[in-house]
Amino acid sequence: MRKATLRLGRLVLLDIDGGKYAGPFKPMMNDDERYKHVAGMEEDEDGRLIHMFYQPCHAPGIAKSLKDEPLFEEKVHLEVFSLDGKEIKDKLYAFDGTLYDALLIAANEGKQYDV
């Protein structure tokens, strides 16, 4: 199981361990409307998502538009942190879940950490 770290602040930052950086995530490059509010995504050499970032105000729409995307059904060990600027302030959660759980947490709680 891969480990994912979700950080909530001025941006929502989702990092998933594993693999070397390969480049921009392919689904975003196809002008897929579901990804329109995602600021950026990166993939590893195997084509798996390793990094995603976006603004908290877009989190509810992103979670709604990507809820049926198989990519976000991947099981991960998820750790969630709040940020103070660029520094980690508090560890909020740690649990086994899916990448979609990370989208839901950002949608439901992200704005309160956007300081």
PDB file of N, CA and C in Angstrom:
ATOM      1  N   MET A   1       0.848  -1.172   0.000  1.00  0.00           N
ATOM      2  CA  MET A   1       0.000   0.000   0.000  1.00  0.00           C
ATOM      3  C   MET A   1       0.896   1.239   0.000  1.00  0.00           C
ATOM      4  N   ARG A   2       0.615   2.143  -0.917  1.00  0.00           N
ATOM      5  CA  ARG A   2       1.387   3.382  -0.964  1.00  0.00           C
ATOM      6  C   ARG A   2       0.932   4.327   0.145  1.00  0.00           C
ATOM      7  N   LYS A   3       1.817   5.229   0.505  1.00  0.00           N
ATOM      8  CA  LYS A   3       1.523   6.227   1.531  1.00  0.00           C
ATOM      9  C   LYS A   3       1.199   7.550   0.838  1.00  0.00           C
ATOM     10  N   ALA A   4       0.140   8.209   1.284  1.00  0.00           N
ATOM     11  CA  ALA A   4      -0.239   9.504   0.728  1.00  0.00           C
ATOM     12  C   ALA A   4      -0.261  10.537   1.842  1.00  0.00           C
ATOM     13  N   THR A   5       0.189  11.736   1.518  1.00  0.00           N
ATOM     14  CA  THR A   5       0.185  12.833   2.465  1.00  0.00           C
ATOM     15  C   THR A   5      -0.664  13.960   1.893  1.00  0.00           C
ATOM     16  N   LEU A   6      -1.653  14.398   2.668  1.00  0.00           N
ATOM     17  CA  LEU A   6      -2.528  15.505   2.279  1.00  0.00           C
ATOM     18  C   LEU A   6      -2.226  16.667   3.200  1.00  0.00           C
ATOM     19  N   ARG A   7      -1.902  17.830   2.615  1.00  0.00           N
ATOM     20  CA  ARG A   7      -1.621  19.017   3.404  1.00  0.00           C
ATOM     21  C   ARG A   7      -2.621  20.105   3.009  1.00  0.00           C
ATOM     22  N   LEU A   8      -3.252  20.692   4.021  1.00  0.00           N
ATOM     23  CA  LEU A   8      -4.302  21.679   3.807  1.00  0.00           C
ATOM     24  C   LEU A   8      -3.816  23.052   4.236  1.00  0.00           C
ATOM     25  N   GLY A   9      -3.863  24.006   3.331  1.00  0.00           N
ATOM     26  CA  GLY A   9      -3.459  25.377   3.606  1.00  0.00           C
ATOM     27  C   GLY A   9      -3.947  26.271   2.486  1.00  0.00           C
ATOM     28  N   ARG A  10      -3.116  27.192   2.016  1.00  0.00           N
ATOM     29  CA  ARG A  10      -3.485  28.049   0.890  1.00  0.00           C
ATOM     30  C   ARG A  10      -3.678  27.226  -0.376  1.00  0.00           C
ATOM     31  N   LEU A  11      -3.021  26.092  -0.427  1.00  0.00           N
ATOM     32  CA  LEU A  11      -3.233  25.090  -1.470  1.00  0.00           C
ATOM     33  C   LEU A  11      -3.542  23.773  -0.788  1.00  0.00           C
ATOM     34  N   VAL A  12      -4.224  22.899  -1.500  1.00  0.00           N
ATOM     35  CA  VAL A  12      -4.362  21.505  -1.094  1.00  0.00           C
ATOM     36  C   VAL A  12      -3.244  20.765  -1.814  1.00  0.00           C
ATOM     37  N   LEU A  13      -2.375  20.115  -1.071  1.00  0.00           N
ATOM     38  CA  LEU A  13      -1.248  19.390  -1.642  1.00  0.00           C
ATOM     39  C   LEU A  13      -1.395  17.916  -1.314  1.00  0.00           C
ATOM     40  N   LEU A  14      -1.472  17.089  -2.341  1.00  0.00           N
ATOM     41  CA  LEU A  14      -1.585  15.645  -2.168  1.00  0.00           C
ATOM     42  C   LEU A  14      -0.356  15.002  -2.789  1.00  0.00           C
ATOM     43  N   ASP A  15       0.439  14.332  -1.955  1.00  0.00           N
ATOM     44  CA  ASP A  15       1.639  13.645  -2.425  1.00  0.00           C
ATOM     45  C   ASP A  15       1.524  12.168  -2.124  1.00  0.00           C
ATOM     46  N   ILE A  16       1.843  11.336  -3.125  1.00  0.00           N
ATOM     47  CA  ILE A  16       1.752   9.891  -2.985  1.00  0.00           C
ATOM     48  C   ILE A  16       3.142   9.316  -3.206  1.00  0.00           C
ATOM     49  N   ASP A  17       3.629   8.561  -2.234  1.00  0.00           N
ATOM     50  CA  ASP A  17       4.977   7.999  -2.319  1.00  0.00           C
ATOM     51  C   ASP A  17       5.066   6.964  -3.431  1.00  0.00           C
ATOM     52  N   GLY A  18       6.236   6.889  -4.014  1.00  0.00           N
ATOM     53  CA  GLY A  18       6.505   5.809  -4.955  1.00  0.00           C
ATOM     54  C   GLY A  18       6.924   6.298  -6.318  1.00  0.00           C
ATOM     55  N   GLY A  19       7.996   5.754  -6.808  1.00  0.00           N
ATOM     56  CA  GLY A  19       8.429   6.034  -8.167  1.00  0.00           C
ATOM     57  C   GLY A  19       9.177   7.339  -8.311  1.00  0.00           C
ATOM     58  N   LYS A  20       9.838   7.479  -9.460  1.00  0.00           N
ATOM     59  CA  LYS A  20      10.545   8.710  -9.787  1.00  0.00           C
ATOM     60  C   LYS A  20       9.628   9.594 -10.616  1.00  0.00           C
ATOM     61  N   TYR A  21       9.830  10.884 -10.516  1.00  0.00           N
ATOM     62  CA  TYR A  21       9.028  11.851 -11.266  1.00  0.00           C
ATOM     63  C   TYR A  21       9.210  11.657 -12.767  1.00  0.00           C
ATOM     64  N   ALA A  22       8.106  11.668 -13.487  1.00  0.00           N
ATOM     65  CA  ALA A  22       8.173  11.491 -14.934  1.00  0.00           C
ATOM     66  C   ALA A  22       7.668  12.718 -15.690  1.00  0.00           C
ATOM     67  N   GLY A  23       6.683  13.403 -15.171  1.00  0.00           N
ATOM     68  CA  GLY A  23       6.171  14.575 -15.888  1.00  0.00           C
ATOM     69  C   GLY A  23       4.719  14.850 -15.561  1.00  0.00           C
ATOM     70  N   PRO A  24       4.100  15.762 -16.315  1.00  0.00           N
ATOM     71  CA  PRO A  24       2.686  16.103 -16.089  1.00  0.00           C
ATOM     72  C   PRO A  24       1.798  14.876 -16.223  1.00  0.00           C
ATOM     73  N   PHE A  25       0.765  14.837 -15.410  1.00  0.00           N
ATOM     74  CA  PHE A  25      -0.151  13.697 -15.416  1.00  0.00           C
ATOM     75  C   PHE A  25      -0.988  13.716 -16.692  1.00  0.00           C
ATOM     76  N   LYS A  26      -1.023  12.615 -17.420  1.00  0.00           N
ATOM     77  CA  LYS A  26      -1.632  12.566 -18.750  1.00  0.00           C
ATOM     78  C   LYS A  26      -3.115  12.966 -18.818  1.00  0.00           C
ATOM     79  N   PRO A  27      -3.984  12.507 -17.882  1.00  0.00           N
ATOM     80  CA  PRO A  27      -5.397  12.899 -18.007  1.00  0.00           C
ATOM     81  C   PRO A  27      -5.611  14.411 -18.037  1.00  0.00           C
ATOM     82  N   MET A  28      -4.758  15.165 -17.347  1.00  0.00           N
ATOM     83  CA  MET A  28      -4.900  16.629 -17.349  1.00  0.00           C
ATOM     84  C   MET A  28      -4.540  17.216 -18.696  1.00  0.00           C
ATOM     85  N   MET A  29      -3.682  16.551 -19.425  1.00  0.00           N
ATOM     86  CA  MET A  29      -3.206  17.092 -20.698  1.00  0.00           C
ATOM     87  C   MET A  29      -4.220  16.891 -21.817  1.00  0.00           C
ATOM     88  N   ASN A  30      -5.268  16.127 -21.565  1.00  0.00           N
ATOM     89  CA  ASN A  30      -6.273  15.855 -22.589  1.00  0.00           C
ATOM     90  C   ASN A  30      -7.455  16.811 -22.526  1.00  0.00           C
ATOM     91  N   ASP A  31      -7.302  17.951 -21.846  1.00  0.00           N
ATOM     92  CA  ASP A  31      -8.381  18.934 -21.685  1.00  0.00           C
ATOM     93  C   ASP A  31      -9.638  18.301 -21.105  1.00  0.00           C
ATOM     94  N   ASP A  32      -9.461  17.373 -20.185  1.00  0.00           N
ATOM     95  CA  ASP A  32     -10.588  16.734 -19.512  1.00  0.00           C
ATOM     96  C   ASP A  32     -11.246  17.754 -18.585  1.00  0.00           C
ATOM     97  N   GLU A  33     -12.494  18.059 -18.838  1.00  0.00           N
ATOM     98  CA  GLU A  33     -13.233  19.083 -18.090  1.00  0.00           C
ATOM     99  C   GLU A  33     -13.257  18.794 -16.585  1.00  0.00           C
ATOM    100  N   ARG A  34     -13.204  17.527 -16.209  1.00  0.00           N
ATOM    101  CA  ARG A  34     -13.249  17.171 -14.779  1.00  0.00           C
ATOM    102  C   ARG A  34     -12.047  17.707 -14.011  1.00  0.00           C
ATOM    103  N   TYR A  35     -10.957  17.958 -14.702  1.00  0.00           N
ATOM    104  CA  TYR A  35      -9.726  18.402 -14.043  1.00  0.00           C
ATOM    105  C   TYR A  35      -9.504  19.911 -14.156  1.00  0.00           C
ATOM    106  N   LYS A  36     -10.510  20.658 -14.602  1.00  0.00           N
ATOM    107  CA  LYS A  36     -10.305  22.072 -14.921  1.00  0.00           C
ATOM    108  C   LYS A  36      -9.866  22.922 -13.726  1.00  0.00           C
ATOM    109  N   HIS A  37     -10.227  22.545 -12.500  1.00  0.00           N
ATOM    110  CA  HIS A  37      -9.844  23.341 -11.338  1.00  0.00           C
ATOM    111  C   HIS A  37      -8.613  22.803 -10.625  1.00  0.00           C
ATOM    112  N   VAL A  38      -8.013  21.749 -11.165  1.00  0.00           N
ATOM    113  CA  VAL A  38      -6.782  21.210 -10.584  1.00  0.00           C
ATOM    114  C   VAL A  38      -5.628  22.054 -11.111  1.00  0.00           C
ATOM    115  N   ALA A  39      -4.826  22.604 -10.208  1.00  0.00           N
ATOM    116  CA  ALA A  39      -3.722  23.473 -10.625  1.00  0.00           C
ATOM    117  C   ALA A  39      -2.584  22.682 -11.252  1.00  0.00           C
ATOM    118  N   GLY A  40      -2.351  21.466 -10.768  1.00  0.00           N
ATOM    119  CA  GLY A  40      -1.282  20.658 -11.334  1.00  0.00           C
ATOM    120  C   GLY A  40      -1.293  19.243 -10.802  1.00  0.00           C
ATOM    121  N   MET A  41      -0.783  18.324 -11.632  1.00  0.00           N
ATOM    122  CA  MET A  41      -0.655  16.918 -11.258  1.00  0.00           C
ATOM    123  C   MET A  41       0.614  16.390 -11.914  1.00  0.00           C
ATOM    124  N   GLU A  42       1.260  15.429 -11.250  1.00  0.00           N
ATOM    125  CA  GLU A  42       2.458  14.811 -11.805  1.00  0.00           C
ATOM    126  C   GLU A  42       2.344  13.300 -11.666  1.00  0.00           C
ATOM    127  N   GLU A  43       3.043  12.604 -12.561  1.00  0.00           N
ATOM    128  CA  GLU A  43       3.019  11.144 -12.540  1.00  0.00           C
ATOM    129  C   GLU A  43       4.423  10.596 -12.366  1.00  0.00           C
ATOM    130  N   ASP A  44       4.476   9.309 -11.947  1.00  0.00           N
ATOM    131  CA  ASP A  44       5.778   8.653 -11.853  1.00  0.00           C
ATOM    132  C   ASP A  44       6.095   7.955 -13.170  1.00  0.00           C
ATOM    133  N   GLU A  45       7.202   7.248 -13.211  1.00  0.00           N
ATOM    134  CA  GLU A  45       7.625   6.586 -14.449  1.00  0.00           C
ATOM    135  C   GLU A  45       6.666   5.499 -14.896  1.00  0.00           C
ATOM    136  N   ASP A  46       5.840   4.988 -13.973  1.00  0.00           N
ATOM    137  CA  ASP A  46       4.843   3.968 -14.318  1.00  0.00           C
ATOM    138  C   ASP A  46       3.498   4.580 -14.689  1.00  0.00           C
ATOM    139  N   GLY A  47       3.411   5.913 -14.722  1.00  0.00           N
ATOM    140  CA  GLY A  47       2.172   6.579 -15.097  1.00  0.00           C
ATOM    141  C   GLY A  47       1.176   6.735 -13.960  1.00  0.00           C
ATOM    142  N   ARG A  48       1.617   6.510 -12.719  1.00  0.00           N
ATOM    143  CA  ARG A  48       0.721   6.644 -11.568  1.00  0.00           C
ATOM    144  C   ARG A  48       0.814   8.055 -10.997  1.00  0.00           C
ATOM    145  N   LEU A  49      -0.282   8.530 -10.468  1.00  0.00           N
ATOM    146  CA  LEU A  49      -0.329   9.842  -9.843  1.00  0.00           C
ATOM    147  C   LEU A  49       0.591   9.876  -8.627  1.00  0.00           C
ATOM    148  N   ILE A  50       1.449  10.913  -8.540  1.00  0.00           N
ATOM    149  CA  ILE A  50       2.305  11.068  -7.363  1.00  0.00           C
ATOM    150  C   ILE A  50       2.151  12.436  -6.707  1.00  0.00           C
ATOM    151  N   HIS A  51       1.575  13.422  -7.408  1.00  0.00           N
ATOM    152  CA  HIS A  51       1.444  14.759  -6.832  1.00  0.00           C
ATOM    153  C   HIS A  51       0.253  15.469  -7.472  1.00  0.00           C
ATOM    154  N   MET A  52      -0.519  16.159  -6.632  1.00  0.00           N
ATOM    155  CA  MET A  52      -1.691  16.901  -7.100  1.00  0.00           C
ATOM    156  C   MET A  52      -1.838  18.128  -6.210  1.00  0.00           C
ATOM    157  N   PHE A  53      -2.156  19.275  -6.816  1.00  0.00           N
ATOM    158  CA  PHE A  53      -2.377  20.460  -5.996  1.00  0.00           C
ATOM    159  C   PHE A  53      -3.438  21.352  -6.624  1.00  0.00           C
ATOM    160  N   TYR A  54      -4.178  22.030  -5.733  1.00  0.00           N
ATOM    161  CA  TYR A  54      -5.275  22.896  -6.166  1.00  0.00           C
ATOM    162  C   TYR A  54      -5.689  23.792  -5.012  1.00  0.00           C
ATOM    163  N   GLN A  55      -6.506  24.787  -5.290  1.00  0.00           N
ATOM    164  CA  GLN A  55      -6.961  25.706  -4.254  1.00  0.00           C
ATOM    165  C   GLN A  55      -8.120  25.102  -3.470  1.00  0.00           C
ATOM    166  N   PRO A  56      -8.173  25.355  -2.150  1.00  0.00           N
ATOM    167  CA  PRO A  56      -9.261  24.799  -1.328  1.00  0.00           C
ATOM    168  C   PRO A  56     -10.654  25.202  -1.800  1.00  0.00           C
ATOM    169  N   CYS A  57     -10.798  26.378  -2.385  1.00  0.00           N
ATOM    170  CA  CYS A  57     -12.127  26.808  -2.835  1.00  0.00           C
ATOM    171  C   CYS A  57     -12.662  25.917  -3.950  1.00  0.00           C
ATOM    172  N   HIS A  58     -11.785  25.230  -4.658  1.00  0.00           N
ATOM    173  CA  HIS A  58     -12.216  24.334  -5.735  1.00  0.00           C
ATOM    174  C   HIS A  58     -12.386  22.887  -5.275  1.00  0.00           C
ATOM    175  N   ALA A  59     -12.040  22.598  -4.022  1.00  0.00           N
ATOM    176  CA  ALA A  59     -12.044  21.218  -3.537  1.00  0.00           C
ATOM    177  C   ALA A  59     -13.410  20.529  -3.668  1.00  0.00           C
ATOM    178  N   PRO A  60     -14.545  21.169  -3.296  1.00  0.00           N
ATOM    179  CA  PRO A  60     -15.836  20.468  -3.445  1.00  0.00           C
ATOM    180  C   PRO A  60     -16.143  20.090  -4.893  1.00  0.00           C
ATOM    181  N   GLY A  61     -15.872  20.985  -5.821  1.00  0.00           N
ATOM    182  CA  GLY A  61     -16.124  20.691  -7.227  1.00  0.00           C
ATOM    183  C   GLY A  61     -15.228  19.599  -7.768  1.00  0.00           C
ATOM    184  N   ILE A  62     -13.980  19.590  -7.328  1.00  0.00           N
ATOM    185  CA  ILE A  62     -13.040  18.557  -7.768  1.00  0.00           C
ATOM    186  C   ILE A  62     -13.483  17.191  -7.246  1.00  0.00           C
ATOM    187  N   ALA A  63     -13.853  17.129  -5.964  1.00  0.00           N
ATOM    188  CA  ALA A  63     -14.311  15.853  -5.400  1.00  0.00           C
ATOM    189  C   ALA A  63     -15.542  15.348  -6.137  1.00  0.00           C
ATOM    190  N   LYS A  64     -16.461  16.244  -6.448  1.00  0.00           N
ATOM    191  CA  LYS A  64     -17.687  15.847  -7.154  1.00  0.00           C
ATOM    192  C   LYS A  64     -17.381  15.365  -8.578  1.00  0.00           C
ATOM    193  N   SER A  65     -16.514  16.086  -9.279  1.00  0.00           N
ATOM    194  CA  SER A  65     -16.249  15.730 -10.676  1.00  0.00           C
ATOM    195  C   SER A  65     -15.389  14.478 -10.821  1.00  0.00           C
ATOM    196  N   LEU A  66     -14.606  14.130  -9.792  1.00  0.00           N
ATOM    197  CA  LEU A  66     -13.710  12.973  -9.890  1.00  0.00           C
ATOM    198  C   LEU A  66     -14.167  11.777  -9.070  1.00  0.00           C
ATOM    199  N   LYS A  67     -15.404  11.820  -8.551  1.00  0.00           N
ATOM    200  CA  LYS A  67     -15.865  10.747  -7.662  1.00  0.00           C
ATOM    201  C   LYS A  67     -15.928   9.381  -8.341  1.00  0.00           C
ATOM    202  N   ASP A  68     -16.126   9.343  -9.637  1.00  0.00           N
ATOM    203  CA  ASP A  68     -16.204   8.069 -10.352  1.00  0.00           C
ATOM    204  C   ASP A  68     -14.927   7.739 -11.115  1.00  0.00           C
ATOM    205  N   GLU A  69     -13.875   8.487 -10.875  1.00  0.00           N
ATOM    206  CA  GLU A  69     -12.596   8.261 -11.550  1.00  0.00           C
ATOM    207  C   GLU A  69     -11.865   7.104 -10.862  1.00  0.00           C
ATOM    208  N   PRO A  70     -11.619   5.994 -11.559  1.00  0.00           N
ATOM    209  CA  PRO A  70     -10.974   4.826 -10.942  1.00  0.00           C
ATOM    210  C   PRO A  70      -9.637   5.146 -10.278  1.00  0.00           C
ATOM    211  N   LEU A  71      -8.934   6.128 -10.776  1.00  0.00           N
ATOM    212  CA  LEU A  71      -7.649   6.518 -10.208  1.00  0.00           C
ATOM    213  C   LEU A  71      -7.744   6.781  -8.712  1.00  0.00           C
ATOM    214  N   PHE A  72      -8.858   7.379  -8.272  1.00  0.00           N
ATOM    215  CA  PHE A  72      -8.984   7.779  -6.874  1.00  0.00           C
ATOM    216  C   PHE A  72      -9.540   6.674  -5.984  1.00  0.00           C
ATOM    217  N   GLU A  73      -9.694   5.470  -6.535  1.00  0.00           N
ATOM    218  CA  GLU A  73     -10.091   4.308  -5.743  1.00  0.00           C
ATOM    219  C   GLU A  73      -8.881   3.579  -5.172  1.00  0.00           C
ATOM    220  N   GLU A  74      -7.678   4.042  -5.511  1.00  0.00           N
ATOM    221  CA  GLU A  74      -6.461   3.381  -5.004  1.00  0.00           C
ATOM    222  C   GLU A  74      -6.413   3.460  -3.485  1.00  0.00           C
ATOM    223  N   LYS A  75      -6.120   2.315  -2.869  1.00  0.00           N
ATOM    224  CA  LYS A  75      -5.993   2.244  -1.412  1.00  0.00           C
ATOM    225  C   LYS A  75      -4.626   2.782  -1.011  1.00  0.00           C
ATOM    226  N   VAL A  76      -4.624   3.645  -0.012  1.00  0.00           N
ATOM    227  CA  VAL A  76      -3.389   4.240   0.487  1.00  0.00           C
ATOM    228  C   VAL A  76      -3.461   4.358   2.009  1.00  0.00           C
ATOM    229  N   HIS A  77      -2.283   4.532   2.612  1.00  0.00           N
ATOM    230  CA  HIS A  77      -2.247   4.964   4.007  1.00  0.00           C
ATOM    231  C   HIS A  77      -2.162   6.483   3.940  1.00  0.00           C
ATOM    232  N   LEU A  78      -3.197   7.154   4.420  1.00  0.00           N
ATOM    233  CA  LEU A  78      -3.330   8.600   4.259  1.00  0.00           C
ATOM    234  C   LEU A  78      -3.026   9.324   5.562  1.00  0.00           C
ATOM    235  N   GLU A  79      -2.119  10.291   5.500  1.00  0.00           N
ATOM    236  CA  GLU A  79      -1.845  11.178   6.625  1.00  0.00           C
ATOM    237  C   GLU A  79      -2.245  12.586   6.209  1.00  0.00           C
ATOM    238  N   VAL A  80      -2.965  13.283   7.085  1.00  0.00           N
ATOM    239  CA  VAL A  80      -3.498  14.606   6.784  1.00  0.00           C
ATOM    240  C   VAL A  80      -2.901  15.620   7.759  1.00  0.00           C
ATOM    241  N   PHE A  81      -2.389  16.721   7.212  1.00  0.00           N
ATOM    242  CA  PHE A  81      -1.761  17.773   8.008  1.00  0.00           C
ATOM    243  C   PHE A  81      -2.372  19.131   7.669  1.00  0.00           C
ATOM    244  N   SER A  82      -2.343  20.049   8.622  1.00  0.00           N
ATOM    245  CA  SER A  82      -2.667  21.439   8.323  1.00  0.00           C
ATOM    246  C   SER A  82      -1.350  22.193   8.179  1.00  0.00           C
ATOM    247  N   LEU A  83      -1.373  23.236   7.364  1.00  0.00           N
ATOM    248  CA  LEU A  83      -0.186  24.046   7.127  1.00  0.00           C
ATOM    249  C   LEU A  83      -0.353  25.437   7.723  1.00  0.00           C
ATOM    250  N   ASP A  84       0.758  26.007   8.106  1.00  0.00           N
ATOM    251  CA  ASP A  84       0.828  27.415   8.477  1.00  0.00           C
ATOM    252  C   ASP A  84       1.834  28.013   7.506  1.00  0.00           C
ATOM    253  N   GLY A  85       1.337  28.636   6.452  1.00  0.00           N
ATOM    254  CA  GLY A  85       2.209  29.037   5.349  1.00  0.00           C
ATOM    255  C   GLY A  85       2.688  27.785   4.642  1.00  0.00           C
ATOM    256  N   LYS A  86       3.992  27.561   4.637  1.00  0.00           N
ATOM    257  CA  LYS A  86       4.556  26.358   4.013  1.00  0.00           C
ATOM    258  C   LYS A  86       4.953  25.312   5.038  1.00  0.00           C
ATOM    259  N   GLU A  87       4.814  25.647   6.316  1.00  0.00           N
ATOM    260  CA  GLU A  87       5.233  24.740   7.383  1.00  0.00           C
ATOM    261  C   GLU A  87       4.058  23.910   7.908  1.00  0.00           C
ATOM    262  N   ILE A  88       4.323  22.641   8.219  1.00  0.00           N
ATOM    263  CA  ILE A  88       3.294  21.784   8.814  1.00  0.00           C
ATOM    264  C   ILE A  88       2.987  22.290  10.218  1.00  0.00           C
ATOM    265  N   LYS A  89       1.697  22.495  10.496  1.00  0.00           N
ATOM    266  CA  LYS A  89       1.275  22.994  11.805  1.00  0.00           C
ATOM    267  C   LYS A  89       0.809  21.852  12.702  1.00  0.00           C
ATOM    268  N   ASP A  90      -0.162  21.069  12.225  1.00  0.00           N
ATOM    269  CA  ASP A  90      -0.739  19.984  13.023  1.00  0.00           C
ATOM    270  C   ASP A  90      -0.970  18.752  12.159  1.00  0.00           C
ATOM    271  N   LYS A  91      -0.809  17.584  12.784  1.00  0.00           N
ATOM    272  CA  LYS A  91      -1.232  16.341  12.147  1.00  0.00           C
ATOM    273  C   LYS A  91      -2.690  16.132  12.542  1.00  0.00           C
ATOM    274  N   LEU A  92      -3.565  16.017  11.538  1.00  0.00           N
ATOM    275  CA  LEU A  92      -4.997  15.926  11.792  1.00  0.00           C
ATOM    276  C   LEU A  92      -5.502  14.491  11.818  1.00  0.00           C
ATOM    277  N   TYR A  93      -5.052  13.657  10.899  1.00  0.00           N
ATOM    278  CA  TYR A  93      -5.536  12.280  10.781  1.00  0.00           C
ATOM    279  C   TYR A  93      -4.436  11.383  10.248  1.00  0.00           C
ATOM    280  N   ALA A  94      -4.603  10.092  10.463  1.00  0.00           N
ATOM    281  CA  ALA A  94      -3.815   9.054   9.796  1.00  0.00           C
ATOM    282  C   ALA A  94      -4.698   7.814   9.751  1.00  0.00           C
ATOM    283  N   PHE A  95      -4.948   7.284   8.540  1.00  0.00           N
ATOM    284  CA  PHE A  95      -5.805   6.110   8.402  1.00  0.00           C
ATOM    285  C   PHE A  95      -5.594   5.476   7.037  1.00  0.00           C
ATOM    286  N   ASP A  96      -6.040   4.232   6.895  1.00  0.00           N
ATOM    287  CA  ASP A  96      -6.034   3.558   5.600  1.00  0.00           C
ATOM    288  C   ASP A  96      -7.330   3.890   4.891  1.00  0.00           C
ATOM    289  N   GLY A  97      -7.229   4.349   3.662  1.00  0.00           N
ATOM    290  CA  GLY A  97      -8.413   4.723   2.894  1.00  0.00           C
ATOM    291  C   GLY A  97      -8.069   4.771   1.421  1.00  0.00           C
ATOM    292  N   THR A  98      -8.748   5.643   0.696  1.00  0.00           N
ATOM    293  CA  THR A  98      -8.525   5.794  -0.739  1.00  0.00           C
ATOM    294  C   THR A  98      -8.098   7.224  -1.044  1.00  0.00           C
ATOM    295  N   LEU A  99      -7.600   7.412  -2.250  1.00  0.00           N
ATOM    296  CA  LEU A  99      -7.277   8.771  -2.684  1.00  0.00           C
ATOM    297  C   LEU A  99      -8.531   9.629  -2.749  1.00  0.00           C
ATOM    298  N   TYR A 100      -9.679   9.019  -3.014  1.00  0.00           N
ATOM    299  CA  TYR A 100     -10.928   9.782  -3.003  1.00  0.00           C
ATOM    300  C   TYR A 100     -11.221  10.325  -1.604  1.00  0.00           C
ATOM    301  N   ASP A 101     -10.860   9.582  -0.557  1.00  0.00           N
ATOM    302  CA  ASP A 101     -11.014  10.092   0.805  1.00  0.00           C
ATOM    303  C   ASP A 101     -10.247  11.401   0.972  1.00  0.00           C
ATOM    304  N   ALA A 102      -9.067  11.498   0.356  1.00  0.00           N
ATOM    305  CA  ALA A 102      -8.282  12.732   0.428  1.00  0.00           C
ATOM    306  C   ALA A 102      -9.031  13.878  -0.232  1.00  0.00           C
ATOM    307  N   LEU A 103      -9.686  13.610  -1.362  1.00  0.00           N
ATOM    308  CA  LEU A 103     -10.474  14.651  -2.023  1.00  0.00           C
ATOM    309  C   LEU A 103     -11.639  15.093  -1.148  1.00  0.00           C
ATOM    310  N   LEU A 104     -12.290  14.140  -0.484  1.00  0.00           N
ATOM    311  CA  LEU A 104     -13.424  14.475   0.385  1.00  0.00           C
ATOM    312  C   LEU A 104     -12.996  15.299   1.594  1.00  0.00           C
ATOM    313  N   ILE A 105     -11.863  14.953   2.195  1.00  0.00           N
ATOM    314  CA  ILE A 105     -11.378  15.720   3.338  1.00  0.00           C
ATOM    315  C   ILE A 105     -11.086  17.153   2.922  1.00  0.00           C
ATOM    316  N   ALA A 106     -10.443  17.325   1.779  1.00  0.00           N
ATOM    317  CA  ALA A 106     -10.155  18.678   1.302  1.00  0.00           C
ATOM    318  C   ALA A 106     -11.447  19.437   1.019  1.00  0.00           C
ATOM    319  N   ALA A 107     -12.448  18.740   0.480  1.00  0.00           N
ATOM    320  CA  ALA A 107     -13.721  19.389   0.173  1.00  0.00           C
ATOM    321  C   ALA A 107     -14.465  19.801   1.436  1.00  0.00           C
ATOM    322  N   ASN A 108     -14.415  18.961   2.459  1.00  0.00           N
ATOM    323  CA  ASN A 108     -15.177  19.223   3.679  1.00  0.00           C
ATOM    324  C   ASN A 108     -14.444  20.099   4.693  1.00  0.00           C
ATOM    325  N   GLU A 109     -13.115  20.081   4.670  1.00  0.00           N
ATOM    326  CA  GLU A 109     -12.359  20.775   5.711  1.00  0.00           C
ATOM    327  C   GLU A 109     -11.318  21.752   5.191  1.00  0.00           C
ATOM    328  N   GLY A 110     -11.052  21.735   3.900  1.00  0.00           N
ATOM    329  CA  GLY A 110      -9.941  22.509   3.351  1.00  0.00           C
ATOM    330  C   GLY A 110     -10.004  24.000   3.602  1.00  0.00           C
ATOM    331  N   LYS A 111     -11.173  24.612   3.463  1.00  0.00           N
ATOM    332  CA  LYS A 111     -11.273  26.078   3.573  1.00  0.00           C
ATOM    333  C   LYS A 111     -10.847  26.596   4.933  1.00  0.00           C
ATOM    334  N   GLN A 112     -11.099  25.856   6.001  1.00  0.00           N
ATOM    335  CA  GLN A 112     -10.752  26.370   7.329  1.00  0.00           C
ATOM    336  C   GLN A 112      -9.249  26.486   7.540  1.00  0.00           C
ATOM    337  N   TYR A 113      -8.452  25.804   6.718  1.00  0.00           N
ATOM    338  CA  TYR A 113      -7.013  25.885   6.863  1.00  0.00           C
ATOM    339  C   TYR A 113      -6.389  26.838   5.821  1.00  0.00           C
ATOM    340  N   ASP A 114      -7.210  27.436   4.989  1.00  0.00           N
ATOM    341  CA  ASP A 114      -6.758  28.380   3.958  1.00  0.00           C
ATOM    342  C   ASP A 114      -6.600  29.754   4.601  1.00  0.00           C
ATOM    343  N   VAL A 115      -5.475  29.934   5.323  1.00  0.00           N
ATOM    344  CA  VAL A 115      -5.240  31.192   6.052  1.00  0.00           C
ATOM    345  C   VAL A 115      -4.082  31.975   5.462  1.00  0.00           C
TER     346      VAL A 115
END
